[in-house]
Structure formats: structure tokens, C-alpha cells
Amino acid sequence: MLHAYNGDFEKFIALYDPDFYYDESEIDYEFITRFIVRDIMFHFDFAKKIYEHDIIVNNKERILRAISSRFIMSNYIVEDLRRPHCIWFPNVPSRDTCL
């Protein structure tokens, strides 16, 4: 999960492969979701790649809300934005993005 924490999407996806585990019950999706959301908050590129990738998690809505927040703060608008998770400093969206 260190790769998710540090924004390294390629290494994260390579290690996240469910076939890597012998038993799916070994996968702690809530733990993984926390790392993904944290990294989305700090890395636009990671958020964009997660948005474009069909990742399996237990709380996809939480991740999509974090992605919406990151996109809004980066002034990157897509059609299917969810209600943002939160908006935080240092990135503040432009006025046009919010209206």
C-alpha cells in the first residue's frame, strides 16, 4: 500500500491484482480504500488514473467522491462528478469551476 500512499499508480496496480492473493478474504478492502483516498487527495495524476481504471474496492462511492474533490480543486471537470468528499488547502478551485 506504500505505492498508493506515494502516488505510484503503476506499482500500486501491479501489486493490487486480486490474483496475487491465495484467498480473497485476505484482502482488506477498507484498509486499501483509505490509502487510495489519501493519495487521491494529494496527487491529481493518481486520481485521474484511478478514475480511468476499473478498480475493485468495497467503497467505490467514497473513492469517486474523493476523485471529484481532487478534480474540482484542479479545475478539471468531467460529466459524472459526485458530491465532493471535501475541499482542502492548498488547492482551491477557480470561481468558474465552482459555478
N, C-alpha and C. Protein backbone atom coordinates (compact mmCIF):
# COMPACT_ATOMS: atom_id res chain seq x y z
N MET A 1 0.81 -1.20 0.00
CA MET A 1 0.00 0.00 0.00
C MET A 1 0.85 1.26 0.00
N LEU A 2 2.13 1.08 0.21
CA LEU A 2 3.04 2.22 0.17
C LEU A 2 3.00 2.90 -1.19
N HIS A 3 2.81 2.13 -2.25
CA HIS A 3 2.76 2.71 -3.59
C HIS A 3 1.53 3.60 -3.76
N ALA A 4 0.41 3.21 -3.18
CA ALA A 4 -0.78 4.07 -3.22
C ALA A 4 -0.52 5.33 -2.41
N TYR A 5 0.12 5.18 -1.28
CA TYR A 5 0.41 6.32 -0.41
C TYR A 5 1.31 7.34 -1.11
N ASN A 6 2.24 6.85 -1.92
CA ASN A 6 3.20 7.72 -2.58
C ASN A 6 2.81 8.13 -4.00
N GLY A 7 1.67 7.70 -4.47
CA GLY A 7 1.19 8.13 -5.78
C GLY A 7 1.76 7.38 -6.96
N ASP A 8 2.30 6.20 -6.74
CA ASP A 8 2.87 5.41 -7.84
C ASP A 8 1.81 4.43 -8.35
N PHE A 9 1.01 4.88 -9.30
CA PHE A 9 -0.13 4.11 -9.77
C PHE A 9 0.27 2.77 -10.38
N GLU A 10 1.28 2.76 -11.23
CA GLU A 10 1.66 1.53 -11.92
C GLU A 10 2.07 0.44 -10.93
N LYS A 11 2.90 0.78 -9.96
CA LYS A 11 3.32 -0.22 -8.96
C LYS A 11 2.15 -0.63 -8.07
N PHE A 12 1.29 0.32 -7.74
CA PHE A 12 0.12 0.00 -6.92
C PHE A 12 -0.78 -1.00 -7.62
N ILE A 13 -1.10 -0.76 -8.88
CA ILE A 13 -1.99 -1.66 -9.63
C ILE A 13 -1.34 -3.02 -9.81
N ALA A 14 -0.03 -3.05 -10.04
CA ALA A 14 0.66 -4.33 -10.21
C ALA A 14 0.55 -5.19 -8.96
N LEU A 15 0.65 -4.58 -7.79
CA LEU A 15 0.58 -5.33 -6.53
C LEU A 15 -0.85 -5.55 -6.07
N TYR A 16 -1.79 -4.79 -6.59
CA TYR A 16 -3.18 -4.87 -6.15
C TYR A 16 -3.94 -6.01 -6.82
N ASP A 17 -3.38 -6.61 -7.83
CA ASP A 17 -4.04 -7.68 -8.59
C ASP A 17 -4.61 -8.74 -7.64
N PRO A 18 -5.94 -8.94 -7.63
CA PRO A 18 -6.55 -9.93 -6.73
C PRO A 18 -6.02 -11.35 -6.95
N ASP A 19 -5.50 -11.66 -8.14
CA ASP A 19 -4.93 -12.99 -8.39
C ASP A 19 -3.65 -13.22 -7.60
N PHE A 20 -3.06 -12.14 -7.10
CA PHE A 20 -1.84 -12.22 -6.30
C PHE A 20 -2.10 -12.93 -4.97
N TYR A 21 -3.33 -12.84 -4.47
CA TYR A 21 -3.69 -13.42 -3.18
C TYR A 21 -4.24 -14.82 -3.37
N TYR A 22 -3.94 -15.69 -2.44
CA TYR A 22 -4.46 -17.05 -2.50
C TYR A 22 -5.94 -17.09 -2.13
N ASP A 23 -6.32 -16.23 -1.21
CA ASP A 23 -7.68 -16.22 -0.70
C ASP A 23 -8.18 -14.78 -0.68
N GLU A 24 -9.30 -14.52 -1.32
CA GLU A 24 -9.81 -13.15 -1.38
C GLU A 24 -10.14 -12.60 0.00
N SER A 25 -10.38 -13.47 0.97
CA SER A 25 -10.67 -13.00 2.33
C SER A 25 -9.45 -12.33 2.96
N GLU A 26 -8.26 -12.53 2.38
CA GLU A 26 -7.05 -11.89 2.90
C GLU A 26 -6.98 -10.41 2.53
N ILE A 27 -7.79 -9.98 1.56
CA ILE A 27 -7.73 -8.60 1.09
C ILE A 27 -8.58 -7.72 2.01
N ASP A 28 -7.96 -6.73 2.60
CA ASP A 28 -8.67 -5.78 3.47
C ASP A 28 -9.02 -4.54 2.63
N TYR A 29 -10.19 -4.59 1.99
CA TYR A 29 -10.58 -3.52 1.07
C TYR A 29 -10.72 -2.17 1.77
N GLU A 30 -11.17 -2.14 3.01
CA GLU A 30 -11.32 -0.88 3.73
C GLU A 30 -9.95 -0.23 3.96
N PHE A 31 -8.97 -1.03 4.31
CA PHE A 31 -7.60 -0.54 4.50
C PHE A 31 -7.06 0.03 3.20
N ILE A 32 -7.25 -0.69 2.11
CA ILE A 32 -6.78 -0.25 0.80
C ILE A 32 -7.49 1.04 0.38
N THR A 33 -8.80 1.12 0.64
CA THR A 33 -9.57 2.30 0.27
C THR A 33 -9.03 3.55 0.96
N ARG A 34 -8.64 3.43 2.23
CA ARG A 34 -8.08 4.58 2.95
C ARG A 34 -6.83 5.11 2.27
N PHE A 35 -5.96 4.21 1.84
CA PHE A 35 -4.74 4.63 1.16
C PHE A 35 -5.05 5.28 -0.19
N ILE A 36 -5.99 4.72 -0.92
CA ILE A 36 -6.35 5.26 -2.23
C ILE A 36 -6.91 6.68 -2.07
N VAL A 37 -7.82 6.87 -1.12
CA VAL A 37 -8.43 8.19 -0.89
C VAL A 37 -7.37 9.19 -0.47
N ARG A 38 -6.47 8.80 0.40
CA ARG A 38 -5.40 9.70 0.84
C ARG A 38 -4.56 10.15 -0.34
N ASP A 39 -4.22 9.22 -1.21
CA ASP A 39 -3.37 9.57 -2.34
C ASP A 39 -4.11 10.42 -3.36
N ILE A 40 -5.38 10.16 -3.56
CA ILE A 40 -6.19 10.99 -4.46
C ILE A 40 -6.19 12.44 -3.97
N MET A 41 -6.24 12.63 -2.67
CA MET A 41 -6.25 13.97 -2.09
C MET A 41 -4.99 14.76 -2.45
N PHE A 42 -3.87 14.06 -2.61
CA PHE A 42 -2.59 14.75 -2.82
C PHE A 42 -2.04 14.67 -4.24
N HIS A 43 -2.55 13.78 -5.08
CA HIS A 43 -1.97 13.58 -6.41
C HIS A 43 -3.05 13.54 -7.49
N PHE A 44 -3.09 14.58 -8.31
CA PHE A 44 -4.07 14.65 -9.39
C PHE A 44 -3.89 13.49 -10.38
N ASP A 45 -2.65 13.20 -10.76
CA ASP A 45 -2.42 12.14 -11.74
C ASP A 45 -2.90 10.79 -11.24
N PHE A 46 -2.69 10.52 -9.96
CA PHE A 46 -3.17 9.26 -9.37
C PHE A 46 -4.70 9.23 -9.42
N ALA A 47 -5.34 10.35 -9.08
CA ALA A 47 -6.81 10.43 -9.11
C ALA A 47 -7.33 10.18 -10.52
N LYS A 48 -6.69 10.76 -11.51
CA LYS A 48 -7.14 10.59 -12.89
C LYS A 48 -6.98 9.14 -13.34
N LYS A 49 -5.88 8.51 -12.97
CA LYS A 49 -5.65 7.11 -13.37
C LYS A 49 -6.62 6.17 -12.66
N ILE A 50 -6.90 6.42 -11.39
CA ILE A 50 -7.88 5.59 -10.67
C ILE A 50 -9.26 5.77 -11.30
N TYR A 51 -9.59 7.00 -11.68
CA TYR A 51 -10.88 7.29 -12.32
C TYR A 51 -11.03 6.52 -13.63
N GLU A 52 -9.95 6.41 -14.37
CA GLU A 52 -9.98 5.73 -15.67
C GLU A 52 -9.85 4.22 -15.55
N HIS A 53 -9.43 3.72 -14.40
CA HIS A 53 -9.19 2.28 -14.20
C HIS A 53 -10.39 1.66 -13.49
N ASP A 54 -10.70 0.42 -13.82
CA ASP A 54 -11.82 -0.28 -13.19
C ASP A 54 -11.30 -1.07 -11.98
N ILE A 55 -11.07 -0.36 -10.90
CA ILE A 55 -10.50 -0.98 -9.70
C ILE A 55 -11.62 -1.54 -8.82
N ILE A 56 -11.36 -2.65 -8.19
CA ILE A 56 -12.35 -3.30 -7.33
C ILE A 56 -12.08 -2.89 -5.88
N VAL A 57 -13.04 -2.21 -5.28
CA VAL A 57 -12.94 -1.83 -3.87
C VAL A 57 -14.31 -2.00 -3.24
N ASN A 58 -14.35 -1.95 -1.92
CA ASN A 58 -15.63 -2.13 -1.24
C ASN A 58 -16.43 -0.85 -1.14
N ASN A 59 -15.78 0.29 -1.29
CA ASN A 59 -16.47 1.56 -1.12
C ASN A 59 -16.14 2.48 -2.30
N LYS A 60 -16.62 2.11 -3.47
CA LYS A 60 -16.32 2.87 -4.69
C LYS A 60 -16.86 4.30 -4.61
N GLU A 61 -18.00 4.49 -3.96
CA GLU A 61 -18.58 5.83 -3.84
C GLU A 61 -17.63 6.76 -3.09
N ARG A 62 -17.00 6.27 -2.04
CA ARG A 62 -16.05 7.08 -1.27
C ARG A 62 -14.88 7.52 -2.15
N ILE A 63 -14.40 6.63 -2.97
CA ILE A 63 -13.29 6.94 -3.87
C ILE A 63 -13.74 7.93 -4.93
N LEU A 64 -14.93 7.75 -5.49
CA LEU A 64 -15.43 8.68 -6.51
C LEU A 64 -15.65 10.08 -5.95
N ARG A 65 -16.06 10.17 -4.70
CA ARG A 65 -16.23 11.49 -4.07
C ARG A 65 -14.88 12.17 -3.87
N ALA A 66 -13.86 11.40 -3.49
CA ALA A 66 -12.51 11.95 -3.35
C ALA A 66 -11.97 12.40 -4.70
N ILE A 67 -12.23 11.61 -5.73
CA ILE A 67 -11.81 11.98 -7.08
C ILE A 67 -12.49 13.28 -7.51
N SER A 68 -13.78 13.41 -7.23
CA SER A 68 -14.50 14.64 -7.56
C SER A 68 -13.86 15.84 -6.88
N SER A 69 -13.49 15.69 -5.62
CA SER A 69 -12.83 16.78 -4.89
C SER A 69 -11.52 17.17 -5.56
N ARG A 70 -10.71 16.17 -5.86
CA ARG A 70 -9.41 16.43 -6.50
C ARG A 70 -9.60 17.10 -7.86
N PHE A 71 -10.55 16.62 -8.65
CA PHE A 71 -10.80 17.20 -9.96
C PHE A 71 -11.26 18.65 -9.84
N ILE A 72 -12.16 18.93 -8.94
CA ILE A 72 -12.66 20.30 -8.75
C ILE A 72 -11.53 21.23 -8.35
N MET A 73 -10.70 20.80 -7.41
CA MET A 73 -9.60 21.64 -6.96
C MET A 73 -8.55 21.85 -8.05
N SER A 74 -8.48 20.92 -8.98
CA SER A 74 -7.53 21.03 -10.09
C SER A 74 -8.17 21.65 -11.33
N ASN A 75 -9.40 22.13 -11.18
CA ASN A 75 -10.15 22.75 -12.28
C ASN A 75 -10.29 21.81 -13.47
N TYR A 76 -10.52 20.55 -13.18
CA TYR A 76 -10.70 19.52 -14.20
C TYR A 76 -12.12 18.99 -14.04
N ILE A 77 -12.98 19.30 -14.98
CA ILE A 77 -14.39 18.96 -14.85
C ILE A 77 -14.75 17.81 -15.78
N VAL A 78 -15.44 16.82 -15.24
CA VAL A 78 -15.99 15.72 -16.02
C VAL A 78 -17.49 15.67 -15.77
N GLU A 79 -18.21 15.00 -16.64
CA GLU A 79 -19.68 14.99 -16.58
C GLU A 79 -20.24 14.33 -15.32
N ASP A 80 -19.66 13.23 -14.92
CA ASP A 80 -20.27 12.45 -13.83
C ASP A 80 -19.60 12.68 -12.47
N LEU A 81 -19.39 13.95 -12.13
CA LEU A 81 -18.82 14.25 -10.82
C LEU A 81 -19.82 13.94 -9.71
N ARG A 82 -19.32 13.39 -8.62
CA ARG A 82 -20.13 13.15 -7.44
C ARG A 82 -20.02 14.37 -6.52
N ARG A 83 -20.80 14.35 -5.46
CA ARG A 83 -20.66 15.39 -4.45
C ARG A 83 -19.27 15.24 -3.84
N PRO A 84 -18.49 16.33 -3.78
CA PRO A 84 -17.10 16.21 -3.32
C PRO A 84 -16.97 15.70 -1.90
N HIS A 85 -15.93 14.96 -1.67
CA HIS A 85 -15.59 14.44 -0.34
C HIS A 85 -15.28 15.62 0.58
N CYS A 86 -14.37 16.49 0.14
CA CYS A 86 -14.06 17.73 0.85
C CYS A 86 -13.16 18.57 -0.05
N ILE A 87 -13.07 19.83 0.23
CA ILE A 87 -12.17 20.73 -0.50
C ILE A 87 -11.15 21.21 0.52
N TRP A 88 -9.88 21.15 0.19
CA TRP A 88 -8.85 21.46 1.18
C TRP A 88 -7.78 22.35 0.58
N PHE A 89 -7.06 22.99 1.45
CA PHE A 89 -5.91 23.81 1.11
C PHE A 89 -4.75 22.88 0.81
N PRO A 90 -3.84 23.14 -0.07
CA PRO A 90 -3.53 24.42 -0.71
C PRO A 90 -4.21 24.63 -2.04
N ASN A 91 -4.85 23.62 -2.60
CA ASN A 91 -5.50 23.78 -3.90
C ASN A 91 -6.92 24.30 -3.72
N VAL A 92 -7.19 25.42 -4.33
CA VAL A 92 -8.53 26.00 -4.28
C VAL A 92 -9.02 26.11 -5.72
N PRO A 93 -10.23 25.63 -6.00
CA PRO A 93 -10.72 25.70 -7.37
C PRO A 93 -10.98 27.15 -7.79
N SER A 94 -10.96 27.34 -9.09
CA SER A 94 -11.27 28.68 -9.60
C SER A 94 -12.77 28.94 -9.42
N ARG A 95 -13.13 30.18 -9.48
CA ARG A 95 -14.54 30.55 -9.31
C ARG A 95 -15.40 29.93 -10.42
N ASP A 96 -14.89 29.90 -11.64
CA ASP A 96 -15.63 29.33 -12.77
C ASP A 96 -15.91 27.85 -12.57
N THR A 97 -15.00 27.14 -11.94
CA THR A 97 -15.19 25.72 -11.68
C THR A 97 -16.34 25.50 -10.71
N CYS A 98 -16.46 26.36 -9.73
CA CYS A 98 -17.48 26.19 -8.69
C CYS A 98 -18.86 26.63 -9.14
N LEU A 99 -18.95 27.44 -10.16
CA LEU A 99 -20.25 27.95 -10.60
C LEU A 99 -20.82 27.15 -11.69
